[in-house]
C-alpha atoms as a PDB file:
ATOM      1  CA  MET A   1     164.918  -9.680  78.621  1.00  0.00           C
ATOM      2  CA  ILE A   2     164.622  -7.709  75.446  1.00  0.00           C
ATOM      3  CA  LEU A   3     164.390  -3.962  74.824  1.00  0.00           C
ATOM      4  CA  ALA A   4     162.199  -3.392  71.675  1.00  0.00           C
ATOM      5  CA  ILE A   5     162.072   0.001  70.015  1.00  0.00           C
ATOM      6  CA  ASP A   6     159.884   1.368  67.441  1.00  0.00           C
ATOM      7  CA  PRO A   7     161.875   4.404  66.558  1.00  0.00           C
ATOM      8  CA  GLY A   8     160.643   7.850  65.411  1.00  0.00           C
ATOM      9  CA  ASN A   9     162.360  11.048  64.349  1.00  0.00           C
ATOM     10  CA  GLU A  10     161.659  12.852  67.779  1.00  0.00           C
ATOM     11  CA  GLN A  11     160.119  10.156  70.033  1.00  0.00           C
ATOM     12  CA  SER A  12     160.051   6.393  70.105  1.00  0.00           C
ATOM     13  CA  ALA A  13     157.956   3.661  71.630  1.00  0.00           C
ATOM     14  CA  PHE A  14     159.603   1.025  73.706  1.00  0.00           C
ATOM     15  CA  VAL A  15     158.683  -2.156  75.475  1.00  0.00           C
ATOM     16  CA  LEU A  16     160.780  -4.118  77.925  1.00  0.00           C
ATOM     17  CA  TRP A  17     159.721  -7.713  77.465  1.00  0.00           C
ATOM     18  CA  ASP A  18     160.953 -10.784  79.510  1.00  0.00           C
ATOM     19  CA  GLY A  19     159.246 -13.323  77.264  1.00  0.00           C
ATOM     20  CA  GLU A  20     156.069 -13.607  79.546  1.00  0.00           C
ATOM     21  CA  LYS A  21     155.209 -10.079  80.449  1.00  0.00           C
ATOM     22  CA  ILE A  22     155.751  -6.393  79.862  1.00  0.00           C
ATOM     23  CA  LEU A  23     158.116  -4.876  82.404  1.00  0.00           C
ATOM     24  CA  ASN A  24     157.991  -1.375  81.094  1.00  0.00           C
ATOM     25  CA  ALA A  25     156.490   0.442  78.112  1.00  0.00           C
ATOM     26  CA  ALA A  26     156.333   4.084  77.074  1.00  0.00           C
ATOM     27  CA  ILE A  27     156.714   6.626  74.215  1.00  0.00           C
ATOM     28  CA  ILE A  28     159.289   9.051  75.196  1.00  0.00           C
ATOM     29  CA  LYS A  29     161.637  11.577  73.622  1.00  0.00           C
ATOM     30  CA  ASN A  30     164.677   9.932  71.857  1.00  0.00           C
ATOM     31  CA  SER A  31     167.198  11.794  73.856  1.00  0.00           C
ATOM     32  CA  GLU A  32     165.463  10.461  77.276  1.00  0.00           C
ATOM     33  CA  LEU A  33     165.468   6.956  75.731  1.00  0.00           C
ATOM     34  CA  LEU A  34     169.221   7.119  74.894  1.00  0.00           C
ATOM     35  CA  ALA A  35     170.250   8.580  78.189  1.00  0.00           C
ATOM     36  CA  GLY A  36     167.909   6.480  80.286  1.00  0.00           C
ATOM     37  CA  ILE A  37     167.098   2.924  79.368  1.00  0.00           C
ATOM     38  CA  ILE A  38     169.702   2.452  76.624  1.00  0.00           C
ATOM     39  CA  GLY A  39     172.519   4.336  78.679  1.00  0.00           C
ATOM     40  CA  SER A  40     171.756   2.345  81.835  1.00  0.00           C
ATOM     41  CA  SER A  41     174.590   0.321  82.859  1.00  0.00           C
ATOM     42  CA  GLU A  42     172.193  -2.298  84.448  1.00  0.00           C
ATOM     43  CA  PHE A  43     170.407  -3.290  81.358  1.00  0.00           C
ATOM     44  CA  LYS A  44     172.786  -5.359  79.108  1.00  0.00           C
ATOM     45  CA  ASP A  45     170.552  -8.131  77.649  1.00  0.00           C
ATOM     46  CA  GLU A  46     169.210  -7.682  74.016  1.00  0.00           C
ATOM     47  CA  MET A  47     167.685  -4.817  72.038  1.00  0.00           C
ATOM     48  CA  VAL A  48     165.733  -5.007  68.786  1.00  0.00           C
ATOM     49  CA  VAL A  49     165.186  -2.001  66.757  1.00  0.00           C
ATOM     50  CA  GLU A  50     162.628  -1.743  63.777  1.00  0.00           C
ATOM     51  CA  MET A  51     164.762  -0.946  60.771  1.00  0.00           C
ATOM     52  CA  VAL A  52     163.751   1.470  57.943  1.00  0.00           C
ATOM     53  CA  ALA A  53     163.291  -0.250  54.694  1.00  0.00           C
ATOM     54  CA  CYS A  54     163.408   1.102  51.140  1.00  0.00           C
ATOM     55  CA  MET A  55     160.009   1.196  49.694  1.00  0.00           C
ATOM     56  CA  GLY A  56     160.794   2.723  46.425  1.00  0.00           C
ATOM     57  CA  MET A  57     159.518   6.185  47.322  1.00  0.00           C
ATOM     58  CA  ALA A  58     161.318   9.321  47.844  1.00  0.00           C
ATOM     59  CA  VAL A  59     161.764   9.984  51.631  1.00  0.00           C
ATOM     60  CA  GLY A  60     162.203  13.323  53.574  1.00  0.00           C
ATOM     61  CA  LYS A  61     163.778  14.748  56.695  1.00  0.00           C
ATOM     62  CA  THR A  62     161.796  12.784  59.168  1.00  0.00           C
ATOM     63  CA  VAL A  63     163.014   9.352  57.684  1.00  0.00           C
ATOM     64  CA  PHE A  64     166.560  10.591  57.830  1.00  0.00           C
ATOM     65  CA  GLU A  65     166.302  11.788  61.538  1.00  0.00           C
ATOM     66  CA  THR A  66     164.750   8.416  62.411  1.00  0.00           C
ATOM     67  CA  VAL A  67     167.547   6.625  60.747  1.00  0.00           C
ATOM     68  CA  PHE A  68     169.997   8.897  62.650  1.00  0.00           C
ATOM     69  CA  TRP A  69     168.486   7.975  65.992  1.00  0.00           C
ATOM     70  CA  ILE A  70     168.440   4.284  65.131  1.00  0.00           C
ATOM     71  CA  GLY A  71     172.100   4.516  64.688  1.00  0.00           C
ATOM     72  CA  ARG A  72     172.672   6.402  68.041  1.00  0.00           C
ATOM     73  CA  PHE A  73     170.493   3.730  69.845  1.00  0.00           C
ATOM     74  CA  TYR A  74     172.448   1.003  68.247  1.00  0.00           C
ATOM     75  CA  GLN A  75     175.874   2.498  68.967  1.00  0.00           C
ATOM     76  CA  ALA A  76     175.126   3.231  72.687  1.00  0.00           C
ATOM     77  CA  PHE A  77     173.465  -0.142  73.631  1.00  0.00           C
ATOM     78  CA  ARG A  78     176.018  -2.440  75.495  1.00  0.00           C
ATOM     79  CA  GLY A  79     174.210  -5.822  74.998  1.00  0.00           C
ATOM     80  CA  GLY A  80     173.179  -7.815  71.936  1.00  0.00           C
ATOM     81  CA  LYS A  81     171.998  -5.545  69.154  1.00  0.00           C
ATOM     82  CA  ASN A  82     169.453  -6.809  66.690  1.00  0.00           C
ATOM     83  CA  ARG A  83     167.404  -5.245  63.843  1.00  0.00           C
ATOM     84  CA  LEU A  84     163.987  -6.491  62.404  1.00  0.00           C
ATOM     85  CA  TYR A  85     162.303  -5.158  59.308  1.00  0.00           C
ATOM     86  CA  ARG A  86     158.537  -4.468  59.510  1.00  0.00           C
ATOM     87  CA  LYS A  87     157.816  -7.119  56.881  1.00  0.00           C
ATOM     88  CA  ASP A  88     159.298  -9.722  59.134  1.00  0.00           C
ATOM     89  CA  VAL A  89     156.924  -8.639  62.022  1.00  0.00           C
ATOM     90  CA  LYS A  90     153.818  -8.596  59.672  1.00  0.00           C
ATOM     91  CA  MET A  91     154.676 -12.008  58.321  1.00  0.00           C
ATOM     92  CA  HIS A  92     155.325 -13.611  61.694  1.00  0.00           C
ATOM     93  CA  LEU A  93     152.398 -12.329  63.402  1.00  0.00           C
ATOM     94  CA  CYS A  94     149.770 -11.885  60.658  1.00  0.00           C
ATOM     95  CA  ASN A  95     151.034 -14.192  57.758  1.00  0.00           C
ATOM     96  CA  SER A  96     150.405 -11.167  55.422  1.00  0.00           C
ATOM     97  CA  MET A  97     152.512  -8.336  54.017  1.00  0.00           C
ATOM     98  CA  ARG A  98     149.364  -6.342  53.784  1.00  0.00           C
ATOM     99  CA  ALA A  99     148.888  -6.215  57.518  1.00  0.00           C
ATOM    100  CA  LYS A 100     148.366  -2.771  59.034  1.00  0.00           C
ATOM    101  CA  ASP A 101     149.075  -1.589  62.592  1.00  0.00           C
ATOM    102  CA  SER A 102     145.513  -2.600  63.634  1.00  0.00           C
ATOM    103  CA  ASN A 103     146.001  -6.120  62.311  1.00  0.00           C
ATOM    104  CA  ILE A 104     149.223  -6.452  64.289  1.00  0.00           C
ATOM    105  CA  SER A 105     147.761  -5.169  67.527  1.00  0.00           C
ATOM    106  CA  GLN A 106     144.819  -7.367  67.110  1.00  0.00           C
ATOM    107  CA  ALA A 107     147.109 -10.431  66.505  1.00  0.00           C
ATOM    108  CA  LEU A 108     148.783  -9.627  69.851  1.00  0.00           C
ATOM    109  CA  ARG A 109     145.445  -9.259  71.693  1.00  0.00           C
ATOM    110  CA  ASP A 110     144.368 -12.656  70.047  1.00  0.00           C
ATOM    111  CA  ARG A 111     147.511 -14.180  71.526  1.00  0.00           C
ATOM    112  CA  PHE A 112     147.923 -12.620  74.933  1.00  0.00           C
ATOM    113  CA  GLY A 113     144.341 -11.464  75.645  1.00  0.00           C
ATOM    114  CA  GLU A 114     142.756  -8.020  75.911  1.00  0.00           C
ATOM    115  CA  LYS A 115     144.584  -5.134  77.497  1.00  0.00           C
ATOM    116  CA  PRO A 116     143.974  -4.987  81.234  1.00  0.00           C
ATOM    117  CA  THR A 117     141.156  -3.168  83.051  1.00  0.00           C
ATOM    118  CA  LYS A 118     140.465  -2.699  86.709  1.00  0.00           C
ATOM    119  CA  THR A 119     137.847  -5.634  86.554  1.00  0.00           C
ATOM    120  CA  LYS A 120     139.993  -7.887  84.167  1.00  0.00           C
ATOM    121  CA  PRO A 121     143.662  -7.656  84.868  1.00  0.00           C
ATOM    122  CA  ASN A 122     145.982  -9.305  82.475  1.00  0.00           C
ATOM    123  CA  PRO A 123     149.504 -10.390  83.742  1.00  0.00           C
ATOM    124  CA  VAL A 124     151.066 -10.152  80.286  1.00  0.00           C
ATOM    125  CA  TYR A 125     150.411  -6.448  80.148  1.00  0.00           C
ATOM    126  CA  GLY A 126     150.868  -5.804  83.813  1.00  0.00           C
ATOM    127  CA  ASP A 127     149.914  -2.275  84.579  1.00  0.00           C
ATOM    128  CA  PHE A 128     150.602  -1.034  80.996  1.00  0.00           C
ATOM    129  CA  LYS A 129     147.665  -0.188  78.762  1.00  0.00           C
ATOM    130  CA  LEU A 130     149.585  -0.148  75.494  1.00  0.00           C
ATOM    131  CA  LYS A 131     148.924   2.727  73.028  1.00  0.00           C
ATOM    132  CA  ARG A 132     149.708   3.709  69.435  1.00  0.00           C
ATOM    133  CA  ASP A 133     153.346   2.774  68.691  1.00  0.00           C
ATOM    134  CA  GLU A 134     153.800   0.814  71.864  1.00  0.00           C
ATOM    135  CA  TRP A 135     151.907  -2.030  70.175  1.00  0.00           C
ATOM    136  CA  GLN A 136     154.362  -1.941  67.370  1.00  0.00           C
ATOM    137  CA  ALA A 137     157.286  -2.110  69.860  1.00  0.00           C
ATOM    138  CA  MET A 138     155.582  -5.011  71.573  1.00  0.00           C
ATOM    139  CA  ALA A 139     155.164  -6.828  68.197  1.00  0.00           C
ATOM    140  CA  LEU A 140     158.935  -6.348  67.595  1.00  0.00           C
ATOM    141  CA  ALA A 141     159.709  -7.840  71.072  1.00  0.00           C
ATOM    142  CA  VAL A 142     157.326 -10.882  70.545  1.00  0.00           C
ATOM    143  CA  THR A 143     158.604 -11.557  66.978  1.00  0.00           C
ATOM    144  CA  TRP A 144     162.139 -11.341  68.005  1.00  0.00           C
ATOM    145  CA  TRP A 145     161.436 -13.626  71.045  1.00  0.00           C
ATOM    146  CA  ASP A 146     159.674 -16.232  69.037  1.00  0.00           C
ATOM    147  CA  LEU A 147     162.491 -16.335  66.468  1.00  0.00           C
ATOM    148  CA  ASN A 148     165.402 -16.294  68.703  1.00  0.00           C
ATOM    149  CA  LYS A 149     164.655 -17.796  72.046  1.00  0.00           C
END
């Protein structure tokens, strides 16, 4: 089982993935993620966090706050700790460094099917209808899983 986190400066998206289906997904405050899922003594498998990469541009407070939270998540997690850069996810799922968030989520829908509806359930997504950054956390989970399992 893998906990994938798309970190942010105040809140982060996470997906809990078992290689076949989503077990949990949400966008929550960083403090809640740290105290809840990451701090949980029951969950000790693998965690993958998207790392911030230098793009040659000046960065501001929000990037530094995001890096701060990545470090806190990394330190608190009791299982295997892994980092992936956005470029690795783009190349793995889309074969292009120019891929945008919409391309990544489309690659996941192409692979696993559309998100579930009442009339068309999808066991991969379970009851979760991914939104915004949850797609990026799912992309991290799938990429790490494909490259390491």
